[in-house]
């Protein structure tokens, strides 16, 4: 689905359920981006879903192939240089969560550790950090690697979704007309985009089930819009 199809679907749903029949481009651009961020958080595993004696949320990144497939457009890979004194490597642009961390020239894993376990890792005879058996922490400044002389690392990570924008121009009749050259299409597959539309509509008070939104999408296709 391109952004114009998504906007038409939202307009159609608003008209069907409120009688107003209009969702401004600015309001659409705002709610659709809030909704896609909410959906991303849901797929990654919202911390609110964690339960006592259940160490994972109901939905969590990496838990199933389906969730990973949904997030695939947001998974990037980057080589990160590491300061050989502090061991700090900066977060990549748009970074949300680590997918995997490897050495730059080999596929050995670099293990994540928590601050309260770092001392045990460093003292361990078996797991003492080396350049081929490194660990990292998450800090405010970025990743901190042990040993700090690891050089560079290769990080696969989930990034923030790029903004969805319905760009437009206003014609002589003061009507907003889609302008593809200033628009940004969603990166999601259609099924995920429909889930995002459900969330966006809820933000403006139109609460619909997925099957209803799918039916609206089919109605628009049959109508040639």
C-alpha atoms as a PDB file:
ATOM      1  CA  UNK A   1       0.000   0.000   0.000  1.00  0.00           C
ATOM      2  CA  UNK A   2       1.311   3.425  -0.874  1.00  0.00           C
ATOM      3  CA  UNK A   3       0.582   6.424   1.332  1.00  0.00           C
ATOM      4  CA  UNK A   4      -2.275   7.618  -0.867  1.00  0.00           C
ATOM      5  CA  UNK A   5      -4.050   4.280  -0.541  1.00  0.00           C
ATOM      6  CA  UNK A   6      -3.596   4.428   3.221  1.00  0.00           C
ATOM      7  CA  UNK A   7      -4.971   7.969   3.363  1.00  0.00           C
ATOM      8  CA  UNK A   8      -7.987   7.043   1.219  1.00  0.00           C
ATOM      9  CA  UNK A   9      -8.671   4.084   3.511  1.00  0.00           C
ATOM     10  CA  UNK A  10      -8.567   6.280   6.604  1.00  0.00           C
ATOM     11  CA  UNK A  11     -10.813   8.870   4.930  1.00  0.00           C
ATOM     12  CA  UNK A  12     -13.284   6.162   3.959  1.00  0.00           C
ATOM     13  CA  UNK A  13     -13.383   4.748   7.501  1.00  0.00           C
ATOM     14  CA  UNK A  14     -13.926   8.210   9.000  1.00  0.00           C
ATOM     15  CA  UNK A  15     -16.761   8.930   6.561  1.00  0.00           C
ATOM     16  CA  UNK A  16     -18.421   5.583   7.263  1.00  0.00           C
ATOM     17  CA  UNK A  17     -18.299   5.901  11.018  1.00  0.00           C
ATOM     18  CA  UNK A  18     -18.518   9.584  11.883  1.00  0.00           C
ATOM     19  CA  UNK A  19     -20.478  11.166   9.025  1.00  0.00           C
ATOM     20  CA  UNK A  20     -17.864  13.908   8.769  1.00  0.00           C
ATOM     21  CA  UNK A  21     -16.106  12.389   5.782  1.00  0.00           C
ATOM     22  CA  UNK A  22     -12.864  14.296   6.183  1.00  0.00           C
ATOM     23  CA  UNK A  23      -9.519  13.709   7.822  1.00  0.00           C
ATOM     24  CA  UNK A  24      -7.089  16.522   7.171  1.00  0.00           C
ATOM     25  CA  UNK A  25      -3.653  15.667   5.731  1.00  0.00           C
ATOM     26  CA  UNK A  26      -1.924  17.095   8.804  1.00  0.00           C
ATOM     27  CA  UNK A  27      -4.064  15.056  11.176  1.00  0.00           C
ATOM     28  CA  UNK A  28      -3.499  11.956   9.061  1.00  0.00           C
ATOM     29  CA  UNK A  29       0.262  12.470   8.999  1.00  0.00           C
ATOM     30  CA  UNK A  30       0.289  12.853  12.768  1.00  0.00           C
ATOM     31  CA  UNK A  31      -1.868   9.862  13.739  1.00  0.00           C
ATOM     32  CA  UNK A  32      -0.418   7.418  11.208  1.00  0.00           C
ATOM     33  CA  UNK A  33       3.098   8.038  12.530  1.00  0.00           C
ATOM     34  CA  UNK A  34       2.033   7.717  16.159  1.00  0.00           C
ATOM     35  CA  UNK A  35       0.269   4.492  15.188  1.00  0.00           C
ATOM     36  CA  UNK A  36       3.264   2.980  13.390  1.00  0.00           C
ATOM     37  CA  UNK A  37       5.500   3.758  16.378  1.00  0.00           C
ATOM     38  CA  UNK A  38       2.949   2.105  18.670  1.00  0.00           C
ATOM     39  CA  UNK A  39       2.829  -0.946  16.385  1.00  0.00           C
ATOM     40  CA  UNK A  40       6.638  -1.159  16.339  1.00  0.00           C
ATOM     41  CA  UNK A  41       6.708  -1.115  20.141  1.00  0.00           C
ATOM     42  CA  UNK A  42       4.055  -3.830  20.198  1.00  0.00           C
ATOM     43  CA  UNK A  43       6.084  -6.105  17.920  1.00  0.00           C
ATOM     44  CA  UNK A  44       9.281  -5.543  19.900  1.00  0.00           C
ATOM     45  CA  UNK A  45       7.518  -6.470  23.132  1.00  0.00           C
ATOM     46  CA  UNK A  46       6.000  -3.761  25.273  1.00  0.00           C
ATOM     47  CA  UNK A  47       7.404  -3.820  28.794  1.00  0.00           C
ATOM     48  CA  UNK A  48       3.849  -3.371  30.137  1.00  0.00           C
ATOM     49  CA  UNK A  49       3.138  -6.941  28.954  1.00  0.00           C
ATOM     50  CA  UNK A  50       5.766  -8.520  31.208  1.00  0.00           C
ATOM     51  CA  UNK A  51       4.210 -10.598  33.954  1.00  0.00           C
ATOM     52  CA  UNK A  52       5.480 -12.089  37.190  1.00  0.00           C
ATOM     53  CA  UNK A  53       7.182 -15.453  36.503  1.00  0.00           C
ATOM     54  CA  UNK A  54       6.804 -14.887  32.752  1.00  0.00           C
ATOM     55  CA  UNK A  55      10.071 -13.380  31.434  1.00  0.00           C
ATOM     56  CA  UNK A  56       8.748 -12.412  27.993  1.00  0.00           C
ATOM     57  CA  UNK A  57       5.780 -10.304  26.882  1.00  0.00           C
ATOM     58  CA  UNK A  58       2.839 -11.718  24.958  1.00  0.00           C
ATOM     59  CA  UNK A  59       4.422 -10.519  21.703  1.00  0.00           C
ATOM     60  CA  UNK A  60       8.199 -10.094  21.450  1.00  0.00           C
ATOM     61  CA  UNK A  61      10.760  -9.561  18.703  1.00  0.00           C
ATOM     62  CA  UNK A  62      12.585 -12.796  17.901  1.00  0.00           C
ATOM     63  CA  UNK A  63       9.848 -14.923  19.474  1.00  0.00           C
ATOM     64  CA  UNK A  64       8.352 -15.992  16.155  1.00  0.00           C
ATOM     65  CA  UNK A  65       9.284 -15.865  12.481  1.00  0.00           C
ATOM     66  CA  UNK A  66       6.081 -13.949  11.774  1.00  0.00           C
ATOM     67  CA  UNK A  67       7.015 -11.076  14.075  1.00  0.00           C
ATOM     68  CA  UNK A  68      10.520 -10.949  12.648  1.00  0.00           C
ATOM     69  CA  UNK A  69       9.091 -10.856   9.125  1.00  0.00           C
ATOM     70  CA  UNK A  70       6.893  -7.906  10.086  1.00  0.00           C
ATOM     71  CA  UNK A  71       9.891  -6.019  11.455  1.00  0.00           C
ATOM     72  CA  UNK A  72      12.203  -6.936   8.555  1.00  0.00           C
ATOM     73  CA  UNK A  73      11.875  -3.490   6.867  1.00  0.00           C
ATOM     74  CA  UNK A  74      13.247  -1.920  10.055  1.00  0.00           C
ATOM     75  CA  UNK A  75      16.275  -4.209  10.497  1.00  0.00           C
ATOM     76  CA  UNK A  76      19.574  -2.649   9.426  1.00  0.00           C
ATOM     77  CA  UNK A  77      23.235  -3.534   9.831  1.00  0.00           C
ATOM     78  CA  UNK A  78      26.160  -1.214  10.515  1.00  0.00           C
ATOM     79  CA  UNK A  79      29.840  -1.422  11.409  1.00  0.00           C
ATOM     80  CA  UNK A  80      30.446   0.528  14.633  1.00  0.00           C
ATOM     81  CA  UNK A  81      33.948   1.783  15.552  1.00  0.00           C
ATOM     82  CA  UNK A  82      34.817   1.301  19.226  1.00  0.00           C
ATOM     83  CA  UNK A  83      36.987   3.704  21.220  1.00  0.00           C
ATOM     84  CA  UNK A  84      39.963   1.595  22.349  1.00  0.00           C
ATOM     85  CA  UNK A  85      40.228   3.431  25.689  1.00  0.00           C
ATOM     86  CA  UNK A  86      36.622   3.767  26.849  1.00  0.00           C
ATOM     87  CA  UNK A  87      35.226   0.825  24.899  1.00  0.00           C
ATOM     88  CA  UNK A  88      32.282   2.999  23.803  1.00  0.00           C
ATOM     89  CA  UNK A  89      30.653   2.582  20.391  1.00  0.00           C
ATOM     90  CA  UNK A  90      27.895   5.024  19.438  1.00  0.00           C
ATOM     91  CA  UNK A  91      24.358   3.858  18.742  1.00  0.00           C
ATOM     92  CA  UNK A  92      23.525   3.806  15.015  1.00  0.00           C
ATOM     93  CA  UNK A  93      21.151   6.494  13.758  1.00  0.00           C
ATOM     94  CA  UNK A  94      17.544   5.605  14.556  1.00  0.00           C
ATOM     95  CA  UNK A  95      18.580   2.728  16.851  1.00  0.00           C
ATOM     96  CA  UNK A  96      15.857   1.091  18.957  1.00  0.00           C
ATOM     97  CA  UNK A  97      17.044  -2.397  19.839  1.00  0.00           C
ATOM     98  CA  UNK A  98      19.897  -4.811  19.106  1.00  0.00           C
ATOM     99  CA  UNK A  99      19.129  -7.767  16.874  1.00  0.00           C
ATOM    100  CA  UNK A 100      22.630  -9.298  16.954  1.00  0.00           C
ATOM    101  CA  UNK A 101      26.202  -8.170  17.613  1.00  0.00           C
ATOM    102  CA  UNK A 102      29.254  -9.717  15.941  1.00  0.00           C
ATOM    103  CA  UNK A 103      32.932  -9.073  15.475  1.00  0.00           C
ATOM    104  CA  UNK A 104      33.618  -6.992  12.387  1.00  0.00           C
ATOM    105  CA  UNK A 105      35.468  -9.717  10.474  1.00  0.00           C
ATOM    106  CA  UNK A 106      33.973 -12.858  11.968  1.00  0.00           C
ATOM    107  CA  UNK A 107      30.594 -14.176  12.896  1.00  0.00           C
ATOM    108  CA  UNK A 108      31.400 -14.873  16.545  1.00  0.00           C
ATOM    109  CA  UNK A 109      28.728 -13.396  18.777  1.00  0.00           C
ATOM    110  CA  UNK A 110      29.398 -10.560  21.169  1.00  0.00           C
ATOM    111  CA  UNK A 111      27.320 -11.237  24.248  1.00  0.00           C
ATOM    112  CA  UNK A 112      25.117  -8.733  26.019  1.00  0.00           C
ATOM    113  CA  UNK A 113      25.593  -8.544  29.775  1.00  0.00           C
ATOM    114  CA  UNK A 114      23.949  -6.461  32.473  1.00  0.00           C
ATOM    115  CA  UNK A 115      25.833  -4.052  34.718  1.00  0.00           C
ATOM    116  CA  UNK A 116      25.375  -6.190  37.829  1.00  0.00           C
ATOM    117  CA  UNK A 117      26.859  -9.218  36.046  1.00  0.00           C
ATOM    118  CA  UNK A 118      29.858  -7.495  34.498  1.00  0.00           C
ATOM    119  CA  UNK A 119      32.221  -8.151  37.422  1.00  0.00           C
ATOM    120  CA  UNK A 120      31.403 -11.848  37.375  1.00  0.00           C
ATOM    121  CA  UNK A 121      32.102 -11.986  33.631  1.00  0.00           C
ATOM    122  CA  UNK A 122      35.445 -10.226  33.995  1.00  0.00           C
ATOM    123  CA  UNK A 123      36.561 -12.429  36.909  1.00  0.00           C
ATOM    124  CA  UNK A 124      35.436 -15.669  35.265  1.00  0.00           C
ATOM    125  CA  UNK A 125      38.244 -17.964  34.140  1.00  0.00           C
ATOM    126  CA  UNK A 126      36.014 -19.478  31.448  1.00  0.00           C
ATOM    127  CA  UNK A 127      34.215 -16.353  30.223  1.00  0.00           C
ATOM    128  CA  UNK A 128      36.869 -13.657  30.630  1.00  0.00           C
ATOM    129  CA  UNK A 129      36.199 -11.136  27.820  1.00  0.00           C
ATOM    130  CA  UNK A 130      38.638 -11.259  24.902  1.00  0.00           C
ATOM    131  CA  UNK A 131      38.432  -9.846  21.388  1.00  0.00           C
ATOM    132  CA  UNK A 132      36.830 -13.121  20.265  1.00  0.00           C
ATOM    133  CA  UNK A 133      34.771 -13.589  23.434  1.00  0.00           C
ATOM    134  CA  UNK A 134      33.618 -10.040  24.129  1.00  0.00           C
ATOM    135  CA  UNK A 135      30.667  -8.662  26.053  1.00  0.00           C
ATOM    136  CA  UNK A 136      28.857  -5.339  25.921  1.00  0.00           C
ATOM    137  CA  UNK A 137      26.686  -3.155  28.120  1.00  0.00           C
ATOM    138  CA  UNK A 138      24.029  -0.623  27.160  1.00  0.00           C
ATOM    139  CA  UNK A 139      24.870   2.840  28.436  1.00  0.00           C
ATOM    140  CA  UNK A 140      23.482   6.307  27.813  1.00  0.00           C
ATOM    141  CA  UNK A 141      26.489   7.133  25.604  1.00  0.00           C
ATOM    142  CA  UNK A 142      26.136   3.979  23.516  1.00  0.00           C
ATOM    143  CA  UNK A 143      27.413   0.410  23.726  1.00  0.00           C
ATOM    144  CA  UNK A 144      30.347  -0.264  26.043  1.00  0.00           C
ATOM    145  CA  UNK A 145      32.514  -3.230  25.043  1.00  0.00           C
ATOM    146  CA  UNK A 146      34.860  -5.377  27.094  1.00  0.00           C
ATOM    147  CA  UNK A 147      37.674  -5.597  26.253  1.00  0.00           C
ATOM    148  CA  UNK A 148      37.751  -1.999  24.929  1.00  0.00           C
ATOM    149  CA  UNK A 149      40.407  -2.954  22.348  1.00  0.00           C
ATOM    150  CA  UNK A 150      37.911  -4.947  20.298  1.00  0.00           C
ATOM    151  CA  UNK A 151      38.269  -2.483  17.389  1.00  0.00           C
ATOM    152  CA  UNK A 152      35.034  -2.335  15.390  1.00  0.00           C
ATOM    153  CA  UNK A 153      31.901  -4.450  15.619  1.00  0.00           C
ATOM    154  CA  UNK A 154      29.053  -5.286  13.265  1.00  0.00           C
ATOM    155  CA  UNK A 155      25.612  -4.617  14.681  1.00  0.00           C
ATOM    156  CA  UNK A 156      22.259  -5.770  13.322  1.00  0.00           C
ATOM    157  CA  UNK A 157      19.553  -3.645  14.898  1.00  0.00           C
ATOM    158  CA  UNK A 158      15.952  -2.504  14.718  1.00  0.00           C
ATOM    159  CA  UNK A 159      15.580   1.161  13.788  1.00  0.00           C
ATOM    160  CA  UNK A 160      12.748   3.639  14.070  1.00  0.00           C
ATOM    161  CA  UNK A 161      10.296   3.434  11.168  1.00  0.00           C
ATOM    162  CA  UNK A 162      10.725   6.269   8.652  1.00  0.00           C
ATOM    163  CA  UNK A 163       7.955   8.852   8.668  1.00  0.00           C
ATOM    164  CA  UNK A 164       4.877   8.236   6.552  1.00  0.00           C
ATOM    165  CA  UNK A 165       3.889  11.473   4.793  1.00  0.00           C
ATOM    166  CA  UNK A 166       0.929  12.261   2.561  1.00  0.00           C
ATOM    167  CA  UNK A 167       2.336  15.249   0.702  1.00  0.00           C
ATOM    168  CA  UNK A 168      -0.072  17.563  -1.095  1.00  0.00           C
ATOM    169  CA  UNK A 169      -0.652  20.768  -2.980  1.00  0.00           C
ATOM    170  CA  UNK A 170      -3.752  22.947  -2.810  1.00  0.00           C
ATOM    171  CA  UNK A 171      -5.465  23.525  -6.146  1.00  0.00           C
ATOM    172  CA  UNK A 172      -7.415  26.553  -7.379  1.00  0.00           C
ATOM    173  CA  UNK A 173     -10.565  25.270  -5.675  1.00  0.00           C
ATOM    174  CA  UNK A 174      -8.755  25.073  -2.321  1.00  0.00           C
ATOM    175  CA  UNK A 175      -8.782  21.258  -2.466  1.00  0.00           C
ATOM    176  CA  UNK A 176      -5.801  19.278  -1.216  1.00  0.00           C
ATOM    177  CA  UNK A 177      -4.376  17.112  -4.010  1.00  0.00           C
ATOM    178  CA  UNK A 178      -1.877  14.305  -3.439  1.00  0.00           C
ATOM    179  CA  UNK A 179       1.680  15.209  -4.397  1.00  0.00           C
ATOM    180  CA  UNK A 180       3.780  12.019  -4.773  1.00  0.00           C
ATOM    181  CA  UNK A 181       7.027  14.009  -4.995  1.00  0.00           C
ATOM    182  CA  UNK A 182       6.702  15.273  -1.416  1.00  0.00           C
ATOM    183  CA  UNK A 183       5.177  12.077  -0.019  1.00  0.00           C
ATOM    184  CA  UNK A 184       6.833   9.195   1.835  1.00  0.00           C
ATOM    185  CA  UNK A 185       5.365   5.711   1.476  1.00  0.00           C
ATOM    186  CA  UNK A 186       5.193   3.231   4.350  1.00  0.00           C
ATOM    187  CA  UNK A 187       7.832   0.493   4.484  1.00  0.00           C
ATOM    188  CA  UNK A 188       5.434  -2.094   5.930  1.00  0.00           C
ATOM    189  CA  UNK A 189       3.784  -5.014   4.168  1.00  0.00           C
ATOM    190  CA  UNK A 190       0.046  -4.620   3.566  1.00  0.00           C
ATOM    191  CA  UNK A 191      -1.112  -6.800   6.480  1.00  0.00           C
ATOM    192  CA  UNK A 192       1.009  -4.855   8.938  1.00  0.00           C
ATOM    193  CA  UNK A 193      -0.109  -1.571   7.408  1.00  0.00           C
ATOM    194  CA  UNK A 194      -3.732  -2.513   8.018  1.00  0.00           C
ATOM    195  CA  UNK A 195      -2.896  -3.144  11.682  1.00  0.00           C
ATOM    196  CA  UNK A 196      -1.350   0.314  11.822  1.00  0.00           C
ATOM    197  CA  UNK A 197      -4.466   1.835  10.230  1.00  0.00           C
ATOM    198  CA  UNK A 198      -6.592   0.195  12.950  1.00  0.00           C
ATOM    199  CA  UNK A 199      -4.427   1.904  15.565  1.00  0.00           C
ATOM    200  CA  UNK A 200      -4.469   5.252  13.744  1.00  0.00           C
ATOM    201  CA  UNK A 201      -8.265   5.225  13.488  1.00  0.00           C
ATOM    202  CA  UNK A 202      -8.560   4.417  17.202  1.00  0.00           C
ATOM    203  CA  UNK A 203      -6.525   7.539  17.970  1.00  0.00           C
ATOM    204  CA  UNK A 204      -9.217   9.673  16.309  1.00  0.00           C
ATOM    205  CA  UNK A 205     -12.081   7.800  17.952  1.00  0.00           C
ATOM    206  CA  UNK A 206     -12.966   5.322  15.206  1.00  0.00           C
ATOM    207  CA  UNK A 207     -12.610   1.917  16.849  1.00  0.00           C
ATOM    208  CA  UNK A 208     -12.802  -0.872  14.281  1.00  0.00           C
ATOM    209  CA  UNK A 209     -11.805  -4.520  14.112  1.00  0.00           C
ATOM    210  CA  UNK A 210      -9.220  -5.654  11.576  1.00  0.00           C
ATOM    211  CA  UNK A 211     -11.800  -7.515   9.464  1.00  0.00           C
ATOM    212  CA  UNK A 212     -13.833  -4.317   9.060  1.00  0.00           C
ATOM    213  CA  UNK A 213     -10.791  -2.318   7.932  1.00  0.00           C
ATOM    214  CA  UNK A 214      -9.921  -5.086   5.456  1.00  0.00           C
ATOM    215  CA  UNK A 215     -13.467  -4.915   4.105  1.00  0.00           C
ATOM    216  CA  UNK A 216     -13.183  -1.138   3.702  1.00  0.00           C
ATOM    217  CA  UNK A 217      -9.921  -1.625   1.802  1.00  0.00           C
ATOM    218  CA  UNK A 218     -11.667  -4.062  -0.541  1.00  0.00           C
ATOM    219  CA  UNK A 219     -14.602  -1.639  -0.963  1.00  0.00           C
ATOM    220  CA  UNK A 220     -12.182   1.080  -2.106  1.00  0.00           C
ATOM    221  CA  UNK A 221     -10.504  -1.269  -4.602  1.00  0.00           C
ATOM    222  CA  UNK A 222     -13.858  -2.265  -6.079  1.00  0.00           C
ATOM    223  CA  UNK A 223     -14.843   1.391  -6.311  1.00  0.00           C
ATOM    224  CA  UNK A 224     -11.726   2.183  -8.329  1.00  0.00           C
ATOM    225  CA  UNK A 225     -10.408   4.763  -5.871  1.00  0.00           C
END
